[in-house]
Amino acid sequence: MELQQKHLISNISHELRTPLTLIYGYMQSVLRRGDNLTAQQQEALKIAIAEMEQTIGLLKKMLDAARASDGIEPPHMETLLVKAEVDKAIKTIQTQHTRTIQIQTESRLEFAAIAADRYQLRQILIELMENAIRYSPPDTPIVIKLNKIADRMAIGICDQGCGIPEEEHSQIFELFYRVDRSRARTTGGAGIGLAIAKELTEAMGGTIGLQSQQGKGSTFTVMFPISSAS
């Protein structure tokens, strides 16, 4: 990310987030005390609150992207059991969604460990799972595959979405890049989550890649060296 662009994004996000959070709080307060509101007014307020939640979440992601690129917070490396961290990320995702999210894990590596920052690894997993959910057809599961490849641990997040054209694979991790801009507008994608995942993965000495075919879904894979404690 260019330095000037990064500073602009960070400053705008920071300046907007505080007043929007205050407005969001006031809107929730009005809804809680809205005995005098009609049913139509309450429904309109709920829609406005949901939109505000999305906007605040987007601003947070923009700040996260700028901070990850800036390297302000170096990762705090510790030995982590990968399967346990994946399970925690899945629980976080499922509590954040009102609809049922099907996420399956394929692994026999209960005790495989890597050296990583606990919170940054969880954010990577959440960003990749959110991306898979966003572009998956309803009622199709997200599959997470854990595999050892030589001396590295591979975590693959697989979806059954529309896939990504091969000529766009090299751009998919760029900030604000969206494969199908018209489709992204309907799914809520802003082209931020994958950029954050890439920055955080590489900051911890890992790699991130994509396998995808149009019409056959996508698999995003992050790889980290296996810890000697495994």
Protein backbone atom coordinates (compact mmCIF):
# COMPACT_ATOMS: atom_id res chain seq x y z
CA MET A 1 0.00 0.00 0.00
CA GLU A 2 1.40 3.42 -0.92
CA LEU A 3 2.37 5.46 2.15
CA GLN A 4 0.21 8.48 1.23
CA GLN A 5 -2.81 6.27 0.49
CA LYS A 6 -2.29 4.33 3.72
CA HIS A 7 -2.17 7.48 5.85
CA LEU A 8 -5.27 8.88 4.12
CA ILE A 9 -7.23 5.67 4.74
CA SER A 10 -6.11 5.51 8.36
CA ASN A 11 -6.97 9.15 9.08
CA ILE A 12 -10.38 9.07 7.39
CA SER A 13 -11.33 5.79 9.07
CA HIS A 14 -10.29 7.06 12.49
CA GLU A 15 -12.10 10.40 12.12
CA LEU A 16 -15.34 8.79 10.94
CA ARG A 17 -15.44 5.85 13.30
CA THR A 18 -15.89 7.82 16.55
CA PRO A 19 -18.92 9.92 15.50
CA LEU A 20 -20.53 6.96 13.75
CA THR A 21 -20.12 4.83 16.87
CA LEU A 22 -21.82 7.56 18.92
CA ILE A 23 -24.70 7.79 16.44
CA TYR A 24 -24.98 4.00 16.48
CA GLY A 25 -25.26 4.05 20.28
CA TYR A 26 -27.97 6.72 20.20
CA MET A 27 -29.94 4.74 17.61
CA GLN A 28 -29.83 1.61 19.76
CA SER A 29 -30.96 3.63 22.78
CA VAL A 30 -33.92 5.03 20.85
CA LEU A 31 -34.90 1.54 19.72
CA ARG A 32 -34.72 0.14 23.27
CA ARG A 33 -36.93 2.94 24.55
CA GLY A 34 -39.12 3.06 21.47
CA ASP A 35 -42.49 2.33 23.05
CA ASN A 36 -43.94 5.32 21.23
CA LEU A 37 -42.61 4.23 17.84
CA THR A 38 -44.90 2.53 15.36
CA ALA A 39 -44.00 -0.94 14.09
CA GLN A 40 -42.98 0.61 10.77
CA GLN A 41 -40.71 3.13 12.50
CA GLN A 42 -39.11 0.40 14.61
CA GLU A 43 -38.41 -1.70 11.52
CA ALA A 44 -36.89 1.30 9.72
CA LEU A 45 -34.67 1.98 12.73
CA LYS A 46 -33.53 -1.65 12.83
CA ILE A 47 -32.54 -1.44 9.16
CA ALA A 48 -30.62 1.78 9.82
CA ILE A 49 -28.82 0.18 12.78
CA ALA A 50 -27.85 -2.83 10.65
CA GLU A 51 -26.46 -0.52 7.96
CA MET A 52 -24.53 1.42 10.59
CA GLU A 53 -23.04 -1.83 11.93
CA GLN A 54 -21.80 -2.67 8.44
CA THR A 55 -20.31 0.79 7.98
CA ILE A 56 -18.49 0.72 11.33
CA GLY A 57 -17.22 -2.78 10.51
CA LEU A 58 -15.91 -1.55 7.16
CA LEU A 59 -14.08 1.34 8.82
CA LYS A 60 -12.52 -1.08 11.31
CA LYS A 61 -11.28 -3.24 8.44
CA MET A 62 -9.79 -0.19 6.72
CA LEU A 63 -7.92 0.69 9.91
CA ASP A 64 -6.77 -2.91 10.29
CA ALA A 65 -5.48 -2.93 6.71
CA ALA A 66 -3.50 0.27 7.23
CA ARG A 67 -2.05 -0.96 10.52
CA ALA A 68 -1.12 -4.37 9.13
CA SER A 69 0.65 -2.78 6.18
CA ASP A 70 2.43 -0.31 8.47
CA GLY A 71 3.70 -3.05 10.73
CA ILE A 72 2.81 -0.97 13.80
CA GLU A 73 2.05 -4.01 15.94
CA PRO A 74 4.65 -6.76 15.45
CA PRO A 75 3.22 -10.25 15.98
CA HIS A 76 3.56 -11.80 19.43
CA MET A 77 4.68 -15.29 18.44
CA GLU A 78 3.75 -18.29 20.55
CA THR A 79 3.20 -22.00 19.99
CA LEU A 80 -0.43 -22.66 19.02
CA LEU A 81 -2.42 -25.82 18.32
CA VAL A 82 -3.86 -25.16 14.88
CA LYS A 83 -7.03 -27.24 15.23
CA ALA A 84 -7.93 -25.51 18.51
CA GLU A 85 -7.45 -22.05 16.98
CA VAL A 86 -9.55 -23.00 13.96
CA ASP A 87 -12.36 -24.19 16.26
CA LYS A 88 -12.28 -20.88 18.16
CA ALA A 89 -12.48 -18.89 14.92
CA ILE A 90 -15.44 -21.00 13.78
CA LYS A 91 -17.30 -20.26 17.04
CA THR A 92 -16.65 -16.54 16.57
CA ILE A 93 -18.05 -16.65 13.03
CA GLN A 94 -21.14 -18.58 14.06
CA THR A 95 -21.98 -16.16 16.88
CA GLN A 96 -21.65 -13.17 14.53
CA HIS A 97 -24.26 -14.45 12.06
CA THR A 98 -27.98 -14.66 12.63
CA ARG A 99 -28.40 -17.44 10.05
CA THR A 100 -26.92 -20.90 10.48
CA ILE A 101 -23.43 -21.15 9.00
CA GLN A 102 -22.23 -24.63 8.05
CA ILE A 103 -18.48 -25.00 8.57
CA GLN A 104 -16.86 -28.43 8.41
CA THR A 105 -13.30 -29.29 9.43
CA GLU A 106 -11.32 -32.07 7.78
CA SER A 107 -8.28 -32.99 9.85
CA ARG A 108 -6.67 -35.70 11.94
CA LEU A 109 -4.00 -33.30 13.14
CA GLU A 110 -5.39 -32.52 16.58
CA PHE A 111 -2.00 -31.63 18.07
CA ALA A 112 -0.15 -30.05 15.13
CA ALA A 113 1.33 -26.72 16.25
CA ILE A 114 2.74 -23.61 14.61
CA ALA A 115 4.40 -20.45 15.89
CA ALA A 116 2.03 -17.52 15.34
CA ASP A 117 0.33 -14.56 16.97
CA ARG A 118 -2.89 -15.94 18.48
CA TYR A 119 -5.06 -12.92 17.68
CA GLN A 120 -3.62 -12.26 14.24
CA LEU A 121 -4.04 -15.92 13.25
CA ARG A 122 -7.66 -15.80 14.38
CA GLN A 123 -8.23 -12.64 12.35
CA ILE A 124 -6.74 -14.31 9.26
CA LEU A 125 -9.05 -17.30 9.66
CA ILE A 126 -12.09 -15.10 10.25
CA GLU A 127 -11.36 -12.94 7.20
CA LEU A 128 -11.00 -16.02 4.97
CA MET A 129 -14.13 -17.68 6.37
CA GLU A 130 -16.14 -14.46 5.98
CA ASN A 131 -14.98 -14.24 2.37
CA ALA A 132 -16.03 -17.86 1.75
CA ILE A 133 -19.44 -17.29 3.35
CA ARG A 134 -20.01 -14.10 1.36
CA TYR A 135 -19.55 -15.79 -2.00
CA SER A 136 -21.07 -19.21 -1.26
CA PRO A 137 -24.57 -20.26 -2.34
CA PRO A 138 -27.05 -20.56 0.56
CA ASP A 139 -27.02 -23.85 2.48
CA THR A 140 -23.62 -24.95 1.16
CA PRO A 141 -20.91 -25.74 3.72
CA ILE A 142 -17.53 -24.09 4.10
CA VAL A 143 -14.83 -26.74 4.47
CA ILE A 144 -11.57 -26.15 6.35
CA LYS A 145 -8.79 -28.62 5.55
CA LEU A 146 -5.68 -29.00 7.71
CA ASN A 147 -2.70 -30.77 6.16
CA LYS A 148 1.02 -31.16 6.73
CA ILE A 149 3.07 -30.42 3.60
CA ALA A 150 6.73 -31.21 4.26
CA ASP A 151 7.70 -28.97 7.19
CA ARG A 152 4.73 -26.63 6.84
CA MET A 153 1.14 -26.58 8.07
CA ALA A 154 -1.49 -25.79 5.45
CA ILE A 155 -4.89 -24.39 6.40
CA GLY A 156 -7.28 -24.39 3.45
CA ILE A 157 -10.65 -22.63 3.47
CA CYS A 158 -12.82 -24.04 0.68
CA ASP A 159 -16.11 -22.72 -0.70
CA GLN A 160 -18.53 -23.76 -3.42
CA GLY A 161 -18.95 -20.28 -4.86
CA CYS A 162 -18.69 -19.01 -8.41
CA GLY A 163 -14.89 -19.16 -8.50
CA ILE A 164 -12.34 -16.58 -9.62
CA PRO A 165 -10.98 -16.18 -13.18
CA GLU A 166 -7.35 -17.31 -13.41
CA GLU A 167 -6.22 -14.01 -14.91
CA GLU A 168 -7.34 -12.23 -11.74
CA HIS A 169 -5.62 -14.49 -9.19
CA SER A 170 -2.56 -12.24 -8.96
CA GLN A 171 -4.70 -9.22 -8.05
CA ILE A 172 -7.06 -10.81 -5.55
CA PHE A 173 -5.00 -9.83 -2.48
CA GLU A 174 -4.69 -6.16 -3.46
CA LEU A 175 -6.46 -3.67 -1.21
CA PHE A 176 -9.95 -2.75 -2.51
CA TYR A 177 -9.71 -5.21 -5.42
CA ARG A 178 -12.95 -7.06 -6.19
CA VAL A 179 -13.28 -9.71 -8.87
CA ASP A 180 -16.87 -8.89 -9.78
CA ARG A 181 -17.65 -5.38 -8.67
CA SER A 182 -21.35 -5.57 -9.48
CA ARG A 183 -21.66 -8.85 -7.54
CA ALA A 184 -19.58 -7.53 -4.65
CA ARG A 185 -22.00 -4.67 -4.18
CA THR A 186 -24.81 -7.15 -3.51
CA THR A 187 -22.74 -9.37 -1.21
CA GLY A 188 -21.16 -6.56 0.79
CA GLY A 189 -17.56 -7.21 -0.25
CA ALA A 190 -15.23 -4.21 -0.15
CA GLY A 191 -11.93 -5.80 -1.16
CA ILE A 192 -10.30 -5.38 2.26
CA GLY A 193 -10.41 -8.72 4.11
CA LEU A 194 -8.08 -10.65 1.79
CA ALA A 195 -5.53 -7.82 1.82
CA ILE A 196 -5.54 -7.89 5.64
CA ALA A 197 -5.14 -11.69 5.64
CA LYS A 198 -2.13 -11.45 3.31
CA GLU A 199 -0.39 -8.73 5.32
CA LEU A 200 -0.86 -10.56 8.63
CA THR A 201 0.17 -13.94 7.19
CA GLU A 202 3.39 -12.61 5.71
CA ALA A 203 4.20 -10.67 8.89
CA MET A 204 4.29 -14.02 10.71
CA GLY A 205 6.51 -15.69 8.10
CA GLY A 206 3.70 -17.50 6.34
CA THR A 207 2.38 -17.59 2.79
CA ILE A 208 -1.12 -17.33 1.35
CA GLY A 209 -2.36 -18.64 -1.97
CA LEU A 210 -5.44 -19.32 -4.04
CA GLN A 211 -6.74 -22.22 -6.09
CA SER A 212 -9.92 -21.50 -8.01
CA GLN A 213 -11.84 -22.22 -11.17
CA GLN A 214 -14.88 -20.37 -12.40
CA GLY A 215 -18.00 -22.29 -11.46
CA LYS A 216 -16.12 -24.67 -9.15
CA GLY A 217 -15.44 -22.63 -6.03
CA SER A 218 -12.25 -21.37 -4.42
CA THR A 219 -9.73 -22.54 -1.84
CA PHE A 220 -7.60 -20.00 0.02
CA THR A 221 -4.64 -21.62 1.77
CA VAL A 222 -2.34 -20.16 4.40
CA MET A 223 0.87 -22.00 5.27
CA PHE A 224 3.14 -21.66 8.30
CA PRO A 225 6.24 -23.57 9.42
CA ILE A 226 5.35 -26.39 11.80
CA SER A 227 6.54 -25.72 15.34
CA SER A 228 9.21 -28.01 16.78
CA ALA A 229 6.82 -28.47 19.73
CA SER A 230 4.43 -30.51 17.54
